[in-house]
């Protein structure tokens, strides 16, 4: 028996699973967990984005209207 290790995104993974099933090949799927150390994003940036997202869910938003555009950009 041979073992193949393939790193694929979810779209490709679905296609591979379909192929494996069609060929009656057994397979395993292991999800990789991205740790904080592996993340390409600054933790402070992530924290700010998550805070803003929660704030928006609570309704703390500003609607971008033509009047607001005029006020900000004078156009």
Protein backbone atom coordinates (compact mmCIF):
# COMPACT_ATOMS: atom_id res chain seq x y z
CA UNK A 1 0.00 0.00 0.00
CA UNK A 2 1.20 3.52 -0.84
CA UNK A 3 0.45 6.63 1.20
CA UNK A 4 -0.05 10.04 -0.37
CA UNK A 5 -0.08 13.25 1.62
CA UNK A 6 -2.00 15.99 -0.13
CA UNK A 7 -2.49 19.54 1.14
CA UNK A 8 -5.64 20.92 -0.47
CA UNK A 9 -8.26 23.57 0.15
CA UNK A 10 -11.88 22.56 0.77
CA UNK A 11 -12.93 22.82 -2.89
CA UNK A 12 -10.17 20.49 -4.08
CA UNK A 13 -10.72 18.20 -1.09
CA UNK A 14 -14.33 17.62 -2.12
CA UNK A 15 -13.23 16.68 -5.63
CA UNK A 16 -10.57 14.31 -4.31
CA UNK A 17 -13.07 12.62 -2.00
CA UNK A 18 -15.39 12.07 -4.96
CA UNK A 19 -12.55 10.52 -6.95
CA UNK A 20 -11.52 8.28 -4.03
CA UNK A 21 -15.10 7.10 -3.59
CA UNK A 22 -15.46 6.41 -7.32
CA UNK A 23 -12.25 4.37 -7.29
CA UNK A 24 -13.22 2.62 -4.03
CA UNK A 25 -10.04 3.88 -2.37
CA UNK A 26 -9.88 4.26 1.40
CA UNK A 27 -8.81 7.68 2.65
CA UNK A 28 -8.40 9.79 5.79
CA UNK A 29 -8.93 13.48 6.23
CA UNK A 30 -6.98 15.31 8.92
CA UNK A 31 -7.79 18.95 9.54
CA UNK A 32 -4.82 21.18 10.29
CA UNK A 33 -5.27 23.56 13.16
CA UNK A 34 -3.58 26.89 12.71
CA UNK A 35 -1.97 27.97 15.94
CA UNK A 36 -1.44 31.55 16.97
CA UNK A 37 2.25 31.10 16.22
CA UNK A 38 1.47 29.98 12.65
CA UNK A 39 -0.96 32.81 11.94
CA UNK A 40 0.31 35.45 9.50
CA UNK A 41 -1.74 38.13 11.30
CA UNK A 42 -0.68 40.35 14.15
CA UNK A 43 -2.66 39.31 17.27
CA UNK A 44 -3.50 42.95 18.08
CA UNK A 45 -4.93 43.40 14.58
CA UNK A 46 -7.07 40.27 14.94
CA UNK A 47 -8.30 41.47 18.33
CA UNK A 48 -9.35 44.85 16.86
CA UNK A 49 -11.18 43.21 13.94
CA UNK A 50 -13.08 40.86 16.26
CA UNK A 51 -14.02 43.75 18.56
CA UNK A 52 -15.29 45.81 15.61
CA UNK A 53 -17.29 42.85 14.36
CA UNK A 54 -18.99 42.42 17.74
CA UNK A 55 -19.66 46.16 17.87
CA UNK A 56 -21.31 46.05 14.43
CA UNK A 57 -23.48 43.09 15.50
CA UNK A 58 -24.74 45.25 18.37
CA UNK A 59 -25.80 47.88 15.83
CA UNK A 60 -22.93 50.31 16.31
CA UNK A 61 -22.56 51.17 12.60
CA UNK A 62 -22.61 54.20 10.32
CA UNK A 63 -24.54 53.99 7.05
CA UNK A 64 -22.54 55.28 4.09
CA UNK A 65 -24.95 57.69 2.41
CA UNK A 66 -24.49 60.31 -0.30
CA UNK A 67 -24.77 62.97 2.42
CA UNK A 68 -21.98 61.36 4.44
CA UNK A 69 -19.85 61.07 1.30
CA UNK A 70 -20.38 64.79 0.66
CA UNK A 71 -19.45 65.61 4.25
CA UNK A 72 -16.27 63.51 4.20
CA UNK A 73 -15.03 64.11 0.67
CA UNK A 74 -16.81 67.26 -0.48
CA UNK A 75 -17.96 65.60 -3.70
